[in-house]
Amino acid sequence: MAGLNISFYGSSLVSAYWNGAATYYRGIIRALAARGHTVTFFEPDAWERQQHRDIADPDWARVVVYPNDEASARKALEQGRDADVIVKASGVGVFDSLLEAGVLEVRRSDAAVIFWDVDAPATLASMRENPGDTLRPLIPRFDYVLTYGGGDPVIGAYRAIGARDCIPIYNALDPETHHPVAPDKRFQADLSFMANRLPDREARVEQFFLNAAARLPERRFLLGGSGWGDKQMPSNVNYVGHVYTADHNAVNCSALAVLNVARDSMAAVGFSPATRVFEAAGAGACVITDAWEGVEQFLEPGTEILVAKDGAEVAALVDGLTPERSRRIGDAARRRMLDAHTYGHRAAEVESLLLTGTPAGKVPA
């Protein structure tokens, strides 16, 4: 089987700075490369991401960084036009409308063109609420809409606006980059949480993390991510700022438990596990997550993950968690990830879809 040549237009492959999709892109693309496909990733020099690179150009993808201007974006489209598959991801951050229309214009007649949505609730809300949204009339022209979460509500919403097909390709684990390591004193805590400060996340972080910290003043809490520097928080919270991906394993392996908090929109639609769930579980961490529909499709509550409905329940779980139980839950979660939820599994789904028109099975229950 000859490998496919894929042009991919996204936010950034080499920097996770203000770019939560970086881990997802890296996992999917590395796994596609391992299956014999060639990916060129086009990303703009924007949002200071190139100044905060956390990986060098990888050997499993060609990275093209183009200047942040319209002429350069159009040139990038021309450079990628001869691919067998052209992907436009959501949330590039600059010239999104130009790129969305452009990938459809430059495509070869026999090429597949994909809109890959890494924030479906936000994208769908924009198309629903903004009469001038430029993406909505283009959706029926894409061969596929892929999303990294959302389940039936997202699939139905995309089909309702004319998508030929909408298929979730969920977040997953890359065992080569997220795995157990020795604890690091810098990141020791009873509960750690990493996420950038965003408007539709902040209230839930206050409820599930800061409220829990206030309830357990004798316990240690660690907060990582950009934007929280001026946020009032309990004195037992250690704010460490942006955490580069090279330190994610150390953070996940240095706490009694690791917290996941979904953004408002992700929690509302369900079936949208964040990359941090897979990163932490892959490192063997005991994950505590806020409640959202579909969690059991990925990890079994009570044995592979702990689920809380509010900050009081988070505090109770942390207070009652022993190191032995934490280890059992973390080990069970890691086994489940390796068995069913690696990017190798996801890349097989994408490959089958592109070559046969049918994804290689659903996410295992």
Foldseek 3Di string as FASTA:
>chain_A
DAAFEEEEEAQDCFFCAVNQCNVVVVQQQLLSLVVHHAYEYEAEPDPCRVVHGQDDQDPSYHYHYFYQDDVRLLVSLVVGLATQEYEYEPDSPGCSLVVLVSNLVSHDPNHAYEYEYAPQLVVLCCVVPPPPDNCLVCQLVHQEYEYQWQPPVSQVSSVVSRHPGYYYLHAAADLVQFAADDADPVQAFQEEEEDADDPQQVVQCCKAPQLLCVVCVVTAYEYEYADCPPPDGDPRYHYDYHDRSNCLLNNLNRHLAYEDEDGPSCQVRFGHDRNNLNRSLRHLFAYEYEDGPPPVLQPNDPQQYDYDPTNVRSNVCSVPRDSVSRNRNSVVSNVSRVVFGGSNQSNQQVVCCSPPVGGPDDRHD
